[in-house]
């Protein structure tokens, strides 16, 4: 693939078929998509449209039946398991609907975990954690543990954790599913601000109108195919 330097995610004829008791289920059916650096894009569609499967394939958490994914110009299919794991650690930040925080660790320990795996020095880790906590409006929360936080605060910690290692791509799967509408709106406004500030690429899978309304590009999936691709101002 010829990469022009701005294409951060490229999928070509991406397909995923599952076998359910001998019956093929076509989750993703030939998706071609280009996401450029700095985009703030939502993949939308009803349950069963293939959006979560598509996000899992892009991240390397699932493998396609056919087709190829390039991230930052690198084809995922040519990476070994270890290479893919390292690439994911260094290039992709994940935000999940269930937060996936470690309850016995403090907010700071949760946020710094990826940096610990990357071998970043303790002083630098601490500095970055304090900076990102200020960015997400949680100054003074470093020593708290997740069970002592509200759902909205936990998701802000999850956003901080995803972004603190400065990955090129943030993938968010239904990040507002467990939040009320006011909290969801605030969280999305925060992510839009961080997107502008950092230039990181955000890609959501969602059916939440609050997320869709704030996206700058909306790609609609139905039955595993793109049926609409709308760029907004």
C-alpha atoms as a PDB file:
ATOM      1  CA  UNK A   1       0.000   0.000   0.000  1.00  0.00           C
ATOM      2  CA  UNK A   2       1.250   3.468  -0.836  1.00  0.00           C
ATOM      3  CA  UNK A   3       0.897   5.492   2.331  1.00  0.00           C
ATOM      4  CA  UNK A   4       0.667   9.267   1.851  1.00  0.00           C
ATOM      5  CA  UNK A   5       1.635   9.904   5.463  1.00  0.00           C
ATOM      6  CA  UNK A   6      -1.839  10.989   6.579  1.00  0.00           C
ATOM      7  CA  UNK A   7      -3.610   7.639   6.323  1.00  0.00           C
ATOM      8  CA  UNK A   8      -3.435   6.198   9.820  1.00  0.00           C
ATOM      9  CA  UNK A   9      -6.038   3.414   9.437  1.00  0.00           C
ATOM     10  CA  UNK A  10      -6.719   1.705   6.118  1.00  0.00           C
ATOM     11  CA  UNK A  11      -8.906  -1.348   5.600  1.00  0.00           C
ATOM     12  CA  UNK A  12      -9.206  -3.093   2.255  1.00  0.00           C
ATOM     13  CA  UNK A  13     -11.998  -5.583   1.454  1.00  0.00           C
ATOM     14  CA  UNK A  14     -12.215  -6.489   5.141  1.00  0.00           C
ATOM     15  CA  UNK A  15     -14.368  -9.533   5.869  1.00  0.00           C
ATOM     16  CA  UNK A  16     -15.177 -11.567   8.968  1.00  0.00           C
ATOM     17  CA  UNK A  17     -17.300 -14.688   8.908  1.00  0.00           C
ATOM     18  CA  UNK A  18     -18.150 -16.691  12.008  1.00  0.00           C
ATOM     19  CA  UNK A  19     -19.325 -20.275  12.091  1.00  0.00           C
ATOM     20  CA  UNK A  20     -22.293 -20.836  14.392  1.00  0.00           C
ATOM     21  CA  UNK A  21     -23.145 -24.549  14.470  1.00  0.00           C
ATOM     22  CA  UNK A  22     -22.274 -24.933  10.810  1.00  0.00           C
ATOM     23  CA  UNK A  23     -24.144 -21.783   9.765  1.00  0.00           C
ATOM     24  CA  UNK A  24     -21.956 -18.927   8.429  1.00  0.00           C
ATOM     25  CA  UNK A  25     -22.554 -15.518  10.047  1.00  0.00           C
ATOM     26  CA  UNK A  26     -21.215 -12.630   7.965  1.00  0.00           C
ATOM     27  CA  UNK A  27     -20.242 -10.016  10.558  1.00  0.00           C
ATOM     28  CA  UNK A  28     -18.141  -7.798   8.263  1.00  0.00           C
ATOM     29  CA  UNK A  29     -18.636  -7.961   4.512  1.00  0.00           C
ATOM     30  CA  UNK A  30     -15.996  -6.241   2.402  1.00  0.00           C
ATOM     31  CA  UNK A  31     -15.316  -2.944   4.200  1.00  0.00           C
ATOM     32  CA  UNK A  32     -12.977  -0.408   2.568  1.00  0.00           C
ATOM     33  CA  UNK A  33     -12.196   2.549   4.823  1.00  0.00           C
ATOM     34  CA  UNK A  34      -9.498   5.204   5.158  1.00  0.00           C
ATOM     35  CA  UNK A  35      -9.104   7.175   8.390  1.00  0.00           C
ATOM     36  CA  UNK A  36      -6.639  10.063   8.336  1.00  0.00           C
ATOM     37  CA  UNK A  37      -4.568  11.365  11.230  1.00  0.00           C
ATOM     38  CA  UNK A  38      -6.456  13.553  13.664  1.00  0.00           C
ATOM     39  CA  UNK A  39      -9.959  12.418  12.690  1.00  0.00           C
ATOM     40  CA  UNK A  40     -12.771  12.203  15.251  1.00  0.00           C
ATOM     41  CA  UNK A  41     -14.947   9.528  13.685  1.00  0.00           C
ATOM     42  CA  UNK A  42     -17.880   7.366  14.789  1.00  0.00           C
ATOM     43  CA  UNK A  43     -18.706   3.961  13.349  1.00  0.00           C
ATOM     44  CA  UNK A  44     -22.442   3.662  13.890  1.00  0.00           C
ATOM     45  CA  UNK A  45     -25.183   1.132  13.316  1.00  0.00           C
ATOM     46  CA  UNK A  46     -27.671  -1.061  15.151  1.00  0.00           C
ATOM     47  CA  UNK A  47     -26.635  -4.058  17.281  1.00  0.00           C
ATOM     48  CA  UNK A  48     -25.379  -6.774  14.962  1.00  0.00           C
ATOM     49  CA  UNK A  49     -24.238  -4.324  12.282  1.00  0.00           C
ATOM     50  CA  UNK A  50     -20.603  -5.418  12.689  1.00  0.00           C
ATOM     51  CA  UNK A  51     -19.164  -2.271  14.269  1.00  0.00           C
ATOM     52  CA  UNK A  52     -17.584  -3.905  17.343  1.00  0.00           C
ATOM     53  CA  UNK A  53     -16.175  -6.747  15.228  1.00  0.00           C
ATOM     54  CA  UNK A  54     -14.755  -4.148  12.843  1.00  0.00           C
ATOM     55  CA  UNK A  55     -13.099  -2.255  15.712  1.00  0.00           C
ATOM     56  CA  UNK A  56     -11.672  -5.500  17.135  1.00  0.00           C
ATOM     57  CA  UNK A  57     -10.139  -6.367  13.749  1.00  0.00           C
ATOM     58  CA  UNK A  58      -8.604  -2.892  13.366  1.00  0.00           C
ATOM     59  CA  UNK A  59      -6.993  -3.248  16.804  1.00  0.00           C
ATOM     60  CA  UNK A  60      -5.636  -6.722  16.086  1.00  0.00           C
ATOM     61  CA  UNK A  61      -7.769  -8.235  18.855  1.00  0.00           C
ATOM     62  CA  UNK A  62      -9.550 -10.274  16.155  1.00  0.00           C
ATOM     63  CA  UNK A  63      -8.331 -11.490  12.759  1.00  0.00           C
ATOM     64  CA  UNK A  64     -10.215 -10.993   9.488  1.00  0.00           C
ATOM     65  CA  UNK A  65     -11.392 -13.896   7.348  1.00  0.00           C
ATOM     66  CA  UNK A  66     -10.232 -11.914   4.326  1.00  0.00           C
ATOM     67  CA  UNK A  67      -8.793  -8.494   3.526  1.00  0.00           C
ATOM     68  CA  UNK A  68      -6.100  -6.390   5.168  1.00  0.00           C
ATOM     69  CA  UNK A  69      -5.652  -3.691   7.809  1.00  0.00           C
ATOM     70  CA  UNK A  70      -2.833  -1.142   7.738  1.00  0.00           C
ATOM     71  CA  UNK A  71      -2.065   0.949  10.809  1.00  0.00           C
ATOM     72  CA  UNK A  72       0.410   3.768  10.261  1.00  0.00           C
ATOM     73  CA  UNK A  73       1.321   2.097   6.969  1.00  0.00           C
ATOM     74  CA  UNK A  74       2.041  -1.306   8.545  1.00  0.00           C
ATOM     75  CA  UNK A  75       0.007  -4.386   7.546  1.00  0.00           C
ATOM     76  CA  UNK A  76      -1.236  -6.239  10.628  1.00  0.00           C
ATOM     77  CA  UNK A  77      -1.166  -9.600   8.841  1.00  0.00           C
ATOM     78  CA  UNK A  78       2.633  -9.479   8.574  1.00  0.00           C
ATOM     79  CA  UNK A  79       3.187  -9.021  12.313  1.00  0.00           C
ATOM     80  CA  UNK A  80       3.939 -11.907  14.644  1.00  0.00           C
ATOM     81  CA  UNK A  81       1.908 -12.202  17.855  1.00  0.00           C
ATOM     82  CA  UNK A  82       4.634 -10.460  19.849  1.00  0.00           C
ATOM     83  CA  UNK A  83       5.094  -7.716  17.234  1.00  0.00           C
ATOM     84  CA  UNK A  84       1.350  -7.096  17.176  1.00  0.00           C
ATOM     85  CA  UNK A  85       1.191  -6.964  20.967  1.00  0.00           C
ATOM     86  CA  UNK A  86       4.060  -4.452  21.111  1.00  0.00           C
ATOM     87  CA  UNK A  87       2.586  -2.384  18.273  1.00  0.00           C
ATOM     88  CA  UNK A  88      -0.798  -2.262  20.001  1.00  0.00           C
ATOM     89  CA  UNK A  89       0.836  -1.241  23.307  1.00  0.00           C
ATOM     90  CA  UNK A  90       2.760   1.618  21.690  1.00  0.00           C
ATOM     91  CA  UNK A  91       0.253   2.863  19.091  1.00  0.00           C
ATOM     92  CA  UNK A  92      -3.312   2.226  20.285  1.00  0.00           C
ATOM     93  CA  UNK A  93      -5.202   3.432  23.342  1.00  0.00           C
ATOM     94  CA  UNK A  94      -8.421   1.598  24.247  1.00  0.00           C
ATOM     95  CA  UNK A  95     -11.551   2.937  25.951  1.00  0.00           C
ATOM     96  CA  UNK A  96     -14.143   0.284  26.856  1.00  0.00           C
ATOM     97  CA  UNK A  97     -17.755   0.674  27.948  1.00  0.00           C
ATOM     98  CA  UNK A  98     -17.032  -1.278  31.165  1.00  0.00           C
ATOM     99  CA  UNK A  99     -14.031   0.997  32.012  1.00  0.00           C
ATOM    100  CA  UNK A 100     -11.764  -2.065  32.659  1.00  0.00           C
ATOM    101  CA  UNK A 101      -9.948  -0.362  35.523  1.00  0.00           C
ATOM    102  CA  UNK A 102      -8.122  -2.500  38.095  1.00  0.00           C
ATOM    103  CA  UNK A 103     -10.108  -1.918  41.320  1.00  0.00           C
ATOM    104  CA  UNK A 104      -7.269  -2.543  43.801  1.00  0.00           C
ATOM    105  CA  UNK A 105      -4.915  -0.073  42.101  1.00  0.00           C
ATOM    106  CA  UNK A 106      -5.046   3.688  42.598  1.00  0.00           C
ATOM    107  CA  UNK A 107      -6.048   6.042  39.802  1.00  0.00           C
ATOM    108  CA  UNK A 108      -2.381   6.848  39.213  1.00  0.00           C
ATOM    109  CA  UNK A 109      -1.386   3.170  39.098  1.00  0.00           C
ATOM    110  CA  UNK A 110      -4.189   2.429  36.622  1.00  0.00           C
ATOM    111  CA  UNK A 111      -3.186   5.303  34.353  1.00  0.00           C
ATOM    112  CA  UNK A 112       0.565   4.613  34.427  1.00  0.00           C
ATOM    113  CA  UNK A 113       0.259   0.878  33.711  1.00  0.00           C
ATOM    114  CA  UNK A 114       0.967   1.047  29.955  1.00  0.00           C
ATOM    115  CA  UNK A 115       3.888   3.420  30.523  1.00  0.00           C
ATOM    116  CA  UNK A 116       5.269   0.903  33.028  1.00  0.00           C
ATOM    117  CA  UNK A 117       5.174  -1.763  30.288  1.00  0.00           C
ATOM    118  CA  UNK A 118       6.918   0.681  27.947  1.00  0.00           C
ATOM    119  CA  UNK A 119       9.774   1.123  30.415  1.00  0.00           C
ATOM    120  CA  UNK A 120       9.188   4.834  30.999  1.00  0.00           C
ATOM    121  CA  UNK A 121      10.979   6.187  34.092  1.00  0.00           C
ATOM    122  CA  UNK A 122       8.976   6.683  37.301  1.00  0.00           C
ATOM    123  CA  UNK A 123       9.467  10.470  37.412  1.00  0.00           C
ATOM    124  CA  UNK A 124       8.245  10.882  33.815  1.00  0.00           C
ATOM    125  CA  UNK A 125       5.288   8.584  34.467  1.00  0.00           C
ATOM    126  CA  UNK A 126       4.250  10.614  37.521  1.00  0.00           C
ATOM    127  CA  UNK A 127       4.594  13.906  35.607  1.00  0.00           C
ATOM    128  CA  UNK A 128       2.433  12.632  32.730  1.00  0.00           C
ATOM    129  CA  UNK A 129      -0.219  11.231  35.077  1.00  0.00           C
ATOM    130  CA  UNK A 130      -0.605  14.586  36.854  1.00  0.00           C
ATOM    131  CA  UNK A 131      -0.809  16.405  33.496  1.00  0.00           C
ATOM    132  CA  UNK A 132      -3.467  14.071  32.062  1.00  0.00           C
ATOM    133  CA  UNK A 133      -5.505  14.161  35.300  1.00  0.00           C
ATOM    134  CA  UNK A 134      -5.621  17.947  34.953  1.00  0.00           C
ATOM    135  CA  UNK A 135      -6.702  17.546  31.311  1.00  0.00           C
ATOM    136  CA  UNK A 136      -9.615  15.261  32.264  1.00  0.00           C
ATOM    137  CA  UNK A 137     -10.686  17.354  35.263  1.00  0.00           C
ATOM    138  CA  UNK A 138      -9.544  14.944  37.971  1.00  0.00           C
ATOM    139  CA  UNK A 139      -6.785  16.876  39.720  1.00  0.00           C
ATOM    140  CA  UNK A 140      -6.271  15.529  43.235  1.00  0.00           C
ATOM    141  CA  UNK A 141      -7.712  12.072  42.417  1.00  0.00           C
ATOM    142  CA  UNK A 142      -4.389  10.239  41.891  1.00  0.00           C
ATOM    143  CA  UNK A 143      -4.531   8.258  45.157  1.00  0.00           C
ATOM    144  CA  UNK A 144      -8.190   7.222  44.968  1.00  0.00           C
ATOM    145  CA  UNK A 145      -9.261   3.741  43.920  1.00  0.00           C
ATOM    146  CA  UNK A 146     -11.901   3.123  41.198  1.00  0.00           C
ATOM    147  CA  UNK A 147     -14.674   1.811  43.525  1.00  0.00           C
ATOM    148  CA  UNK A 148     -14.636   5.238  45.236  1.00  0.00           C
ATOM    149  CA  UNK A 149     -15.355   7.038  41.935  1.00  0.00           C
ATOM    150  CA  UNK A 150     -18.587   7.651  40.033  1.00  0.00           C
ATOM    151  CA  UNK A 151     -19.121   6.017  36.641  1.00  0.00           C
ATOM    152  CA  UNK A 152     -18.304   9.253  34.858  1.00  0.00           C
ATOM    153  CA  UNK A 153     -15.113   9.701  36.870  1.00  0.00           C
ATOM    154  CA  UNK A 154     -14.056   6.114  36.156  1.00  0.00           C
ATOM    155  CA  UNK A 155     -14.555   6.654  32.428  1.00  0.00           C
ATOM    156  CA  UNK A 156     -12.457   9.830  32.629  1.00  0.00           C
ATOM    157  CA  UNK A 157      -9.709   7.746  34.229  1.00  0.00           C
ATOM    158  CA  UNK A 158     -10.103   5.268  31.350  1.00  0.00           C
ATOM    159  CA  UNK A 159      -9.715   8.140  28.855  1.00  0.00           C
ATOM    160  CA  UNK A 160      -6.615   9.340  30.726  1.00  0.00           C
ATOM    161  CA  UNK A 161      -5.157   5.817  30.715  1.00  0.00           C
ATOM    162  CA  UNK A 162      -5.778   5.469  26.970  1.00  0.00           C
ATOM    163  CA  UNK A 163      -4.119   8.786  26.137  1.00  0.00           C
ATOM    164  CA  UNK A 164      -1.256   9.118  28.631  1.00  0.00           C
ATOM    165  CA  UNK A 165       1.199   6.974  26.649  1.00  0.00           C
ATOM    166  CA  UNK A 166       0.562   9.246  23.628  1.00  0.00           C
ATOM    167  CA  UNK A 167      -0.609   6.615  21.139  1.00  0.00           C
ATOM    168  CA  UNK A 168      -1.447   7.564  17.560  1.00  0.00           C
ATOM    169  CA  UNK A 169      -4.929   6.026  17.720  1.00  0.00           C
ATOM    170  CA  UNK A 170      -7.685   5.924  20.357  1.00  0.00           C
ATOM    171  CA  UNK A 171     -10.295   3.181  19.824  1.00  0.00           C
ATOM    172  CA  UNK A 172     -13.450   3.527  21.904  1.00  0.00           C
ATOM    173  CA  UNK A 173     -16.135   0.815  21.941  1.00  0.00           C
ATOM    174  CA  UNK A 174     -19.470   2.215  23.198  1.00  0.00           C
ATOM    175  CA  UNK A 175     -17.642   4.494  25.684  1.00  0.00           C
ATOM    176  CA  UNK A 176     -20.850   6.144  26.958  1.00  0.00           C
ATOM    177  CA  UNK A 177     -22.990   2.997  27.305  1.00  0.00           C
ATOM    178  CA  UNK A 178     -22.994   3.060  31.126  1.00  0.00           C
ATOM    179  CA  UNK A 179     -23.257   6.832  31.574  1.00  0.00           C
ATOM    180  CA  UNK A 180     -26.160   9.258  31.824  1.00  0.00           C
ATOM    181  CA  UNK A 181     -26.660  11.782  29.012  1.00  0.00           C
ATOM    182  CA  UNK A 182     -25.165  14.765  30.861  1.00  0.00           C
ATOM    183  CA  UNK A 183     -22.029  12.824  31.841  1.00  0.00           C
ATOM    184  CA  UNK A 184     -21.762  11.404  28.304  1.00  0.00           C
ATOM    185  CA  UNK A 185     -21.946  14.861  26.757  1.00  0.00           C
ATOM    186  CA  UNK A 186     -19.252  16.185  29.072  1.00  0.00           C
ATOM    187  CA  UNK A 187     -16.984  13.226  28.357  1.00  0.00           C
ATOM    188  CA  UNK A 188     -17.347  13.620  24.584  1.00  0.00           C
ATOM    189  CA  UNK A 189     -16.677  17.356  24.775  1.00  0.00           C
ATOM    190  CA  UNK A 190     -13.544  16.520  26.770  1.00  0.00           C
ATOM    191  CA  UNK A 191     -12.388  13.999  24.145  1.00  0.00           C
ATOM    192  CA  UNK A 192     -13.026  16.469  21.331  1.00  0.00           C
ATOM    193  CA  UNK A 193     -10.903  19.057  23.148  1.00  0.00           C
ATOM    194  CA  UNK A 194      -8.117  16.519  23.691  1.00  0.00           C
ATOM    195  CA  UNK A 195      -8.364  15.481  20.029  1.00  0.00           C
ATOM    196  CA  UNK A 196      -7.803  19.110  18.973  1.00  0.00           C
ATOM    197  CA  UNK A 197      -5.012  19.595  21.512  1.00  0.00           C
ATOM    198  CA  UNK A 198      -3.056  16.399  20.785  1.00  0.00           C
ATOM    199  CA  UNK A 199      -3.916  15.490  17.169  1.00  0.00           C
ATOM    200  CA  UNK A 200      -4.594  11.890  18.217  1.00  0.00           C
ATOM    201  CA  UNK A 201      -7.011   9.996  15.999  1.00  0.00           C
ATOM    202  CA  UNK A 202     -10.272   8.939  17.684  1.00  0.00           C
ATOM    203  CA  UNK A 203     -12.442   6.137  16.305  1.00  0.00           C
ATOM    204  CA  UNK A 204     -15.638   5.184  18.159  1.00  0.00           C
ATOM    205  CA  UNK A 205     -18.108   2.383  17.729  1.00  0.00           C
ATOM    206  CA  UNK A 206     -21.457   3.565  19.053  1.00  0.00           C
ATOM    207  CA  UNK A 207     -25.197   3.830  18.653  1.00  0.00           C
ATOM    208  CA  UNK A 208     -25.381   6.706  21.159  1.00  0.00           C
ATOM    209  CA  UNK A 209     -26.735   9.867  19.525  1.00  0.00           C
ATOM    210  CA  UNK A 210     -24.663  12.004  21.910  1.00  0.00           C
ATOM    211  CA  UNK A 211     -21.469  10.526  20.430  1.00  0.00           C
ATOM    212  CA  UNK A 212     -22.801  10.715  16.876  1.00  0.00           C
ATOM    213  CA  UNK A 213     -23.747  14.400  17.250  1.00  0.00           C
ATOM    214  CA  UNK A 214     -20.183  15.301  18.264  1.00  0.00           C
ATOM    215  CA  UNK A 215     -18.351  13.243  15.646  1.00  0.00           C
ATOM    216  CA  UNK A 216     -16.791  15.065  12.716  1.00  0.00           C
ATOM    217  CA  UNK A 217     -17.308  12.036  10.494  1.00  0.00           C
ATOM    218  CA  UNK A 218     -19.981   9.354  10.779  1.00  0.00           C
ATOM    219  CA  UNK A 219     -19.594   5.989   9.022  1.00  0.00           C
ATOM    220  CA  UNK A 220     -22.768   3.898   9.095  1.00  0.00           C
ATOM    221  CA  UNK A 221     -22.595   0.105   8.992  1.00  0.00           C
ATOM    222  CA  UNK A 222     -25.527  -2.163   8.237  1.00  0.00           C
ATOM    223  CA  UNK A 223     -25.253  -5.942   7.939  1.00  0.00           C
ATOM    224  CA  UNK A 224     -21.456  -5.644   7.890  1.00  0.00           C
ATOM    225  CA  UNK A 225     -21.264  -3.115   5.035  1.00  0.00           C
ATOM    226  CA  UNK A 226     -20.767   0.654   4.867  1.00  0.00           C
ATOM    227  CA  UNK A 227     -24.022   2.211   3.688  1.00  0.00           C
ATOM    228  CA  UNK A 228     -23.168   5.849   4.425  1.00  0.00           C
ATOM    229  CA  UNK A 229     -20.030   7.912   5.054  1.00  0.00           C
ATOM    230  CA  UNK A 230     -20.735  11.499   6.086  1.00  0.00           C
ATOM    231  CA  UNK A 231     -18.093  14.158   6.794  1.00  0.00           C
ATOM    232  CA  UNK A 232     -19.259  17.135   8.835  1.00  0.00           C
ATOM    233  CA  UNK A 233     -17.878  20.589   9.371  1.00  0.00           C
END
